[in-house]
Protein backbone atom coordinates (compact mmCIF):
# COMPACT_ATOMS: atom_id res chain seq x y z
CA MET A 1 -10.90 187.14 70.99
CA THR A 2 -13.63 189.22 72.86
CA THR A 3 -16.80 188.82 71.79
CA PRO A 4 -19.43 191.55 71.15
CA LEU A 5 -21.31 190.51 74.51
CA GLN A 6 -17.92 190.26 76.65
CA LEU A 7 -16.47 193.19 78.58
CA PRO A 8 -12.86 193.44 78.72
CA VAL A 9 -11.59 193.22 82.13
CA THR A 10 -7.98 194.47 83.40
CA VAL A 11 -6.52 193.18 86.67
CA LEU A 12 -4.24 195.67 88.24
CA THR A 13 -1.93 194.31 90.81
CA GLY A 14 1.43 195.22 92.68
CA PHE A 15 2.64 195.08 96.00
CA LEU A 16 1.72 197.84 98.79
CA GLY A 17 2.54 201.26 97.48
CA SER A 18 3.60 200.49 94.13
CA GLY A 19 1.41 203.38 92.60
CA LYS A 20 -1.49 201.69 91.64
CA THR A 21 -4.04 204.29 92.35
CA THR A 22 -1.90 206.87 90.77
CA LEU A 23 -1.77 205.02 87.52
CA ILE A 24 -5.53 204.88 87.41
CA ASN A 25 -5.82 208.73 88.28
CA HIS A 26 -3.63 209.27 85.25
CA LEU A 27 -5.78 207.22 82.92
CA LEU A 28 -9.06 208.82 84.31
CA GLU A 29 -7.26 212.32 83.84
CA ASN A 30 -5.57 211.93 80.46
CA TYR A 31 -8.30 209.98 78.44
CA PRO A 32 -11.69 211.30 79.72
CA GLY A 33 -13.66 209.65 77.21
CA GLU A 34 -13.04 206.28 78.78
CA ARG A 35 -16.07 204.57 80.31
CA ILE A 36 -15.00 202.39 82.91
CA ALA A 37 -16.26 200.59 86.05
CA ILE A 38 -13.39 200.41 88.69
CA ILE A 39 -13.72 197.91 91.49
CA GLU A 40 -11.26 199.07 94.39
CA ASN A 41 -10.53 196.07 96.91
CA GLU A 42 -8.98 197.53 100.12
CA PHE A 43 -7.88 195.04 102.87
CA GLY A 44 -9.15 197.24 105.63
CA ALA A 45 -12.82 197.89 106.75
CA VAL A 46 -12.51 201.43 105.39
CA GLY A 47 -11.99 202.07 101.83
CA VAL A 48 -9.37 204.80 101.25
CA ASP A 49 -8.02 204.43 97.67
CA GLY A 50 -11.56 204.74 96.35
CA GLY A 51 -11.61 208.31 97.78
CA LEU A 52 -8.10 209.02 96.29
CA LEU A 53 -9.57 208.42 92.82
CA GLY A 54 -10.43 211.84 91.17
CA GLN A 55 -13.90 212.50 90.39
CA HIS A 56 -14.74 211.77 86.71
CA SER A 57 -17.90 211.55 84.63
CA GLY A 58 -18.80 207.98 83.22
CA ILE A 59 -16.70 206.37 85.94
CA GLU A 60 -18.14 203.87 88.29
CA VAL A 61 -16.25 202.89 91.51
CA ILE A 62 -17.21 200.10 93.51
CA GLU A 63 -15.49 199.17 96.84
CA LEU A 64 -14.79 195.93 98.26
CA THR A 65 -13.20 196.25 101.83
CA ASN A 66 -12.51 194.24 104.82
CA GLY A 67 -10.45 191.39 103.10
CA CYS A 68 -8.64 190.66 99.92
CA VAL A 69 -10.42 189.60 96.77
CA CYS A 70 -8.03 186.63 96.72
CA CYS A 71 -9.61 185.04 99.76
CA SER A 72 -11.74 186.46 102.19
CA VAL A 73 -14.11 188.55 99.87
CA ARG A 74 -13.68 186.56 96.46
CA GLY A 75 -17.32 185.57 96.81
CA GLU A 76 -18.02 189.23 97.01
CA LEU A 77 -16.07 189.83 94.06
CA THR A 78 -18.20 187.57 91.99
CA GLU A 79 -21.47 189.09 93.19
CA ALA A 80 -20.04 192.41 92.70
CA LEU A 81 -19.37 191.63 89.09
CA LYS A 82 -22.52 190.27 88.34
CA ASN A 83 -24.28 193.34 89.74
CA LEU A 84 -22.40 195.34 87.73
CA LEU A 85 -23.45 193.41 84.69
CA GLU A 86 -27.10 193.29 85.64
CA GLN A 87 -27.15 197.18 86.19
CA ARG A 88 -25.20 197.49 82.81
CA ASP A 89 -28.13 195.35 81.06
CA ALA A 90 -30.55 197.45 82.82
CA GLY A 91 -29.29 200.70 81.35
CA GLN A 92 -28.64 201.91 84.97
CA LEU A 93 -24.76 202.08 84.11
CA ASN A 94 -22.96 202.75 81.24
CA PHE A 95 -19.34 201.47 80.76
CA ASP A 96 -17.22 199.79 78.12
CA ARG A 97 -14.53 198.10 80.32
CA LEU A 98 -13.99 196.67 83.77
CA LEU A 99 -10.86 197.83 85.77
CA LEU A 100 -10.17 195.60 89.03
CA GLU A 101 -7.51 197.09 91.42
CA THR A 102 -6.40 194.50 93.91
CA THR A 103 -4.86 194.98 97.32
CA GLY A 104 -1.08 195.10 97.54
CA LEU A 105 -1.29 191.69 99.47
CA ALA A 106 -3.28 189.95 96.71
CA ASP A 107 -2.43 186.86 95.29
CA PRO A 108 -3.61 187.00 91.35
CA ALA A 109 -4.35 183.10 91.04
CA PRO A 110 -7.69 183.05 92.78
CA VAL A 111 -8.63 186.57 91.40
CA ILE A 112 -8.09 185.04 87.73
CA GLN A 113 -9.71 181.65 88.54
CA THR A 114 -12.94 183.86 89.26
CA PHE A 115 -13.22 185.01 85.61
CA PHE A 116 -13.22 181.19 84.41
CA VAL A 117 -15.08 179.21 87.17
CA ASP A 118 -18.18 181.08 87.14
CA ASP A 119 -20.28 180.22 84.25
CA ILE A 120 -22.11 183.97 83.76
CA LEU A 121 -18.73 185.57 84.29
CA ARG A 122 -16.82 183.39 81.88
CA GLU A 123 -19.50 184.12 79.39
CA ARG A 124 -19.79 187.82 79.79
CA LEU A 125 -16.58 188.95 80.59
CA GLN A 126 -13.10 188.45 78.87
CA LEU A 127 -9.70 188.80 80.98
CA ASP A 128 -7.76 191.56 78.84
CA ALA A 129 -4.40 191.39 81.06
CA ILE A 130 -2.93 191.00 84.42
CA ILE A 131 -0.94 194.47 85.04
CA THR A 132 1.66 194.29 87.85
CA LEU A 133 3.17 197.28 89.11
CA VAL A 134 6.77 197.03 90.76
CA ASP A 135 7.97 199.68 93.22
CA SER A 136 11.59 199.91 91.86
CA GLU A 137 12.75 201.18 95.08
CA HIS A 138 11.61 198.55 97.41
CA ALA A 139 10.96 195.77 94.87
CA GLN A 140 14.22 193.59 95.69
CA LYS A 141 13.27 193.64 99.61
CA GLN A 142 9.67 192.69 98.82
CA LEU A 143 10.52 190.06 96.38
CA THR A 144 12.78 188.41 98.85
CA GLU A 145 10.55 188.65 102.13
CA HIS A 146 6.96 188.45 100.56
CA ARG A 147 6.07 185.31 98.48
CA VAL A 148 2.90 187.11 97.21
CA ALA A 149 5.04 189.89 95.62
CA VAL A 150 6.88 187.08 93.49
CA SER A 151 3.48 185.77 92.53
CA GLN A 152 2.49 189.14 91.38
CA VAL A 153 5.41 189.26 89.14
CA GLY A 154 4.87 185.62 87.87
CA PHE A 155 1.34 186.22 86.61
CA ALA A 156 1.98 189.71 84.84
CA ASP A 157 1.56 190.10 81.22
CA ARG A 158 2.70 193.86 81.70
CA LEU A 159 5.14 194.68 84.41
CA ILE A 160 5.38 198.51 85.13
CA LEU A 161 8.15 199.97 86.87
CA THR A 162 7.58 202.86 89.34
CA LYS A 163 9.88 205.29 91.44
CA LEU A 164 12.73 204.69 88.88
CA ASP A 165 14.06 208.02 90.09
CA ARG A 166 14.77 206.72 93.39
CA ILE A 167 17.43 203.89 92.03
CA ASP A 168 20.61 204.21 89.87
CA SER A 169 21.30 202.26 86.93
CA ASP A 170 22.84 199.65 88.39
CA ALA A 171 20.01 198.92 90.68
CA LYS A 172 17.61 198.92 87.72
CA THR A 173 19.74 196.44 85.61
CA LEU A 174 19.84 194.23 88.55
CA LEU A 175 15.87 194.52 89.27
CA LEU A 176 15.34 193.78 85.53
CA GLU A 177 17.37 190.95 85.54
CA ARG A 178 15.46 189.53 88.54
CA LEU A 179 12.21 190.17 86.95
CA ARG A 180 13.11 188.42 83.88
CA ASN A 181 14.16 185.28 85.83
CA ILE A 182 10.86 185.04 87.13
CA ASN A 183 8.78 186.10 84.19
CA ALA A 184 10.51 186.23 80.99
CA LYS A 185 7.09 186.70 79.08
CA ALA A 186 5.82 189.84 80.45
CA LEU A 187 6.89 193.25 78.76
CA VAL A 188 8.27 195.82 80.91
CA CYS A 189 7.01 199.53 81.04
CA GLU A 190 8.05 202.34 83.01
CA ALA A 191 5.67 204.85 84.70
CA ARG A 192 7.11 208.37 85.82
CA HIS A 193 4.78 209.72 88.70
CA GLY A 194 1.90 207.45 87.37
CA LYS A 195 2.40 208.85 83.60
CA LEU A 196 2.09 206.01 81.16
CA GLU A 197 0.02 205.88 77.90
CA LYS A 198 -3.08 203.83 78.00
CA ALA A 199 -1.73 201.52 75.12
CA ALA A 200 0.87 200.33 77.25
CA TRP A 201 -1.54 198.50 79.56
CA ILE A 202 -5.21 198.77 78.44
CA GLY A 203 -6.68 196.77 75.73
CA ILE A 204 -3.50 194.68 74.98
CA GLN A 205 -5.72 191.21 74.91
CA ALA A 206 -3.01 189.32 76.43
CA PHE A 207 -5.58 186.21 76.95
CA ASN A 208 -6.41 186.10 73.43
CA MET A 209 -5.42 183.03 71.81
CA ASP A 210 -3.19 184.49 68.94
CA ASP A 211 0.20 184.25 67.48
CA SER A 212 1.75 187.01 69.43
CA PHE A 213 4.68 185.74 71.37
CA ASP A 214 6.89 188.20 72.91
CA LEU A 215 9.96 186.53 74.16
CA ASN A 216 13.78 187.34 74.70
CA GLY A 217 12.03 188.42 76.72
CA THR A 218 12.06 191.50 78.66
CA PHE A 219 11.61 194.91 76.67
CA VAL A 220 11.34 198.28 78.36
CA ALA A 221 8.64 200.55 76.99
CA SER A 222 9.75 204.00 78.13
CA THR A 223 7.37 206.58 78.17
CA ALA A 224 8.24 210.18 78.27
CA PRO A 225 6.29 212.42 80.60
CA SER A 226 4.21 213.54 77.96
CA GLN A 227 2.04 211.32 75.70
CA ALA A 228 4.62 210.41 73.27
CA PRO A 229 4.01 206.99 71.54
CA THR A 230 5.33 204.07 73.38
CA ASN A 231 8.99 203.13 72.13
CA PHE A 232 9.81 199.29 72.74
CA ARG A 233 13.55 198.63 73.14
CA PRO A 234 15.49 195.75 73.98
CA LEU A 235 16.53 195.54 77.77
CA ASN A 236 20.03 197.15 78.23
CA GLN A 237 22.68 194.59 79.21
CA THR A 238 25.43 195.64 81.49
CA SER A 239 29.10 194.40 81.15
CA LYS A 240 29.39 194.72 84.86
CA PRO A 241 29.15 191.80 86.82
CA LEU A 242 26.39 191.94 89.12
CA ALA A 243 26.07 190.25 92.39
CA ARG A 244 22.72 188.06 92.74
CA SER A 245 21.59 187.00 96.17
CA TRP A 246 17.94 186.05 95.58
CA ASN A 247 16.47 182.68 95.18
CA ASP A 248 13.11 183.13 94.20
CA ASP A 249 10.96 179.83 93.88
CA ILE A 250 9.02 181.14 90.72
CA THR A 251 10.82 181.02 87.52
CA SER A 252 10.23 181.25 83.92
CA GLN A 253 11.18 178.44 81.97
CA VAL A 254 11.64 178.45 77.95
CA PHE A 255 11.05 175.13 76.28
CA GLU A 256 12.19 174.69 72.57
CA THR A 257 12.22 172.18 69.68
CA GLY A 258 11.30 171.73 66.14
CA GLU A 259 8.07 170.09 65.10
CA VAL A 260 6.23 167.83 67.60
CA ASP A 261 3.90 164.98 67.22
CA ILE A 262 0.21 165.90 67.94
CA LYS A 263 -0.29 162.99 70.38
CA LEU A 264 2.88 163.18 72.16
CA ILE A 265 2.50 166.81 72.65
CA GLY A 266 -1.02 166.41 73.80
CA ALA A 267 -0.14 163.74 76.34
CA PHE A 268 2.74 165.77 77.50
CA MET A 269 0.67 168.92 78.20
CA GLU A 270 -2.41 166.87 79.97
CA THR A 271 0.24 165.05 82.06
CA ALA A 272 1.95 168.36 83.03
CA ILE A 273 -1.15 170.13 83.95
CA GLU A 274 -2.69 167.39 85.77
CA LYS A 275 0.45 166.77 87.82
CA TYR A 276 1.97 170.34 88.05
CA GLY A 277 -0.91 172.58 87.07
CA ASN A 278 -1.14 173.86 90.70
CA ASP A 279 2.30 175.27 90.33
CA MET A 280 1.90 176.57 86.74
CA LEU A 281 1.15 179.92 87.12
CA ARG A 282 1.06 181.31 83.36
CA TYR A 283 1.82 179.07 80.12
CA LYS A 284 1.72 180.14 76.62
CA GLY A 285 3.36 178.28 73.48
CA ILE A 286 2.87 178.02 69.86
CA LEU A 287 3.42 174.47 68.54
CA ALA A 288 4.52 173.52 65.29
CA ILE A 289 2.63 170.13 64.35
CA GLU A 290 3.80 167.63 62.11
CA GLY A 291 1.78 167.60 59.13
CA GLU A 292 -0.29 170.55 60.24
CA PRO A 293 0.02 174.08 58.10
CA ARG A 294 -1.27 175.99 61.14
CA ARG A 295 0.38 176.97 64.46
CA LEU A 296 -1.18 175.43 67.51
CA ILE A 297 -1.82 177.89 70.24
CA VAL A 298 -1.88 176.97 73.75
CA GLN A 299 -2.23 179.11 76.88
CA GLY A 300 -3.29 178.35 80.37
CA VAL A 301 -3.57 179.54 84.16
CA HIS A 302 -2.98 176.59 86.49
CA LYS A 303 -5.23 173.96 85.47
CA VAL A 304 -7.47 176.34 83.18
CA VAL A 305 -6.18 175.61 79.48
CA GLY A 306 -7.11 176.53 76.07
CA PHE A 307 -5.82 175.55 72.49
CA ASP A 308 -6.57 176.93 69.41
CA TYR A 309 -5.19 177.00 65.62
CA GLY A 310 -3.61 180.27 64.74
CA THR A 311 -2.25 181.25 61.27
CA GLU A 312 -0.26 179.06 58.87
CA TRP A 313 3.33 179.12 58.70
CA THR A 314 4.84 180.66 55.75
CA ALA A 315 7.66 179.05 53.69
CA GLU A 316 10.00 181.62 54.78
CA GLU A 317 9.36 180.72 58.63
CA SER A 318 11.16 178.17 60.63
CA ARG A 319 8.70 175.70 62.18
CA LYS A 320 9.42 176.18 65.66
CA THR A 321 7.80 174.87 68.93
CA LEU A 322 8.03 177.25 71.71
CA LEU A 323 6.70 176.84 75.25
CA VAL A 324 6.96 179.17 78.27
CA ILE A 325 5.98 177.97 81.60
CA ILE A 326 6.12 180.33 84.76
CA GLY A 327 5.82 178.35 87.83
CA ARG A 328 6.93 177.66 91.06
CA ASN A 329 9.41 174.52 92.08
CA LEU A 330 8.95 172.85 88.94
CA PRO A 331 10.90 169.81 88.03
CA VAL A 332 12.56 171.61 84.88
CA GLU A 333 14.65 168.90 83.86
CA THR A 334 11.94 166.49 83.88
CA LEU A 335 9.64 168.80 81.96
CA ARG A 336 12.12 169.27 79.41
CA ASN A 337 13.25 165.99 78.74
CA GLU A 338 9.52 165.04 78.53
CA PHE A 339 8.78 168.14 76.27
CA LEU A 340 11.76 167.24 73.88
CA ALA A 341 10.63 163.40 73.83
CA THR A 342 7.44 165.06 71.75
CA ALA A 343 9.62 166.34 68.88
CA VAL A 344 9.51 164.75 65.58
CA SER A 345 12.99 166.24 65.24
CA ASN A 346 15.11 168.54 67.44
CA ALA A 347 16.15 170.43 64.29
CA VAL A 348 14.25 173.52 63.55
CA ASN A 349 13.03 173.40 59.90
């Protein structure tokens, strides 16, 4: 959970032209009380997106140009974050939240690691969520041709579909199916011309070690052009067979069993992270440990992992161990067999 000294950080990513700046502008225009520092990262030497943001009081915009924060200007991102914190501490800037908009070509992995590797940033900042915008009109082609687009989807806590008015219902269903295959953990929202209520993507605390675990997994948050409350509903299924032609190397895998042995599941996690951590983009699990009344929560990004105990199981609940791993080219059957070997009983009590 975010401590009083920690500032929440939202990372906004998505392939070129997906509508990131439009979404930010909608946030600034409709929630004028927000005090946000925005870091705009642009691939070129001259910033453009920063100029596209409207002028709003209480908003600080910092531009990182001439490279991508996931590679060439990663050190510059660290320094920019520290400078922002220093200016805030000195009373020169006043903001309650950081919003980092990456370039459309950014791989989220190194960006996320920035917040865990540096001691100062790890202490002062708390990742709130990775938000990925998906251009519905061009997503299928982008996912097929650009590996980074698949990575952006794989890392997401929320997927926001844009430009839905340019595709029909069958194309939308096919796209949702592909997105769910890559990332079954993320909720899917719809933004119409950038309009999406703040609660759908700001302050969702996706990196907190809590008991929440949305699976089954893709849901659609429909938001009307007005500021009507978000309405979550299950993904519509179609009875019409849809041709699949993709072969994404990033997929979402769900492992499930009953109670597990604490030593065995610990050894499984340690070994899996050590051997395959570089290809494990995101993972989260709720573990039912034999003899332990509380849930054990695990969450990680690559080789950065955290464990914490959550709430107790109630007598009415099934003690079920559930682990979701979003990864690239993982030996799924080997992992599944090793995971199941940690079970005290495969039966869910």
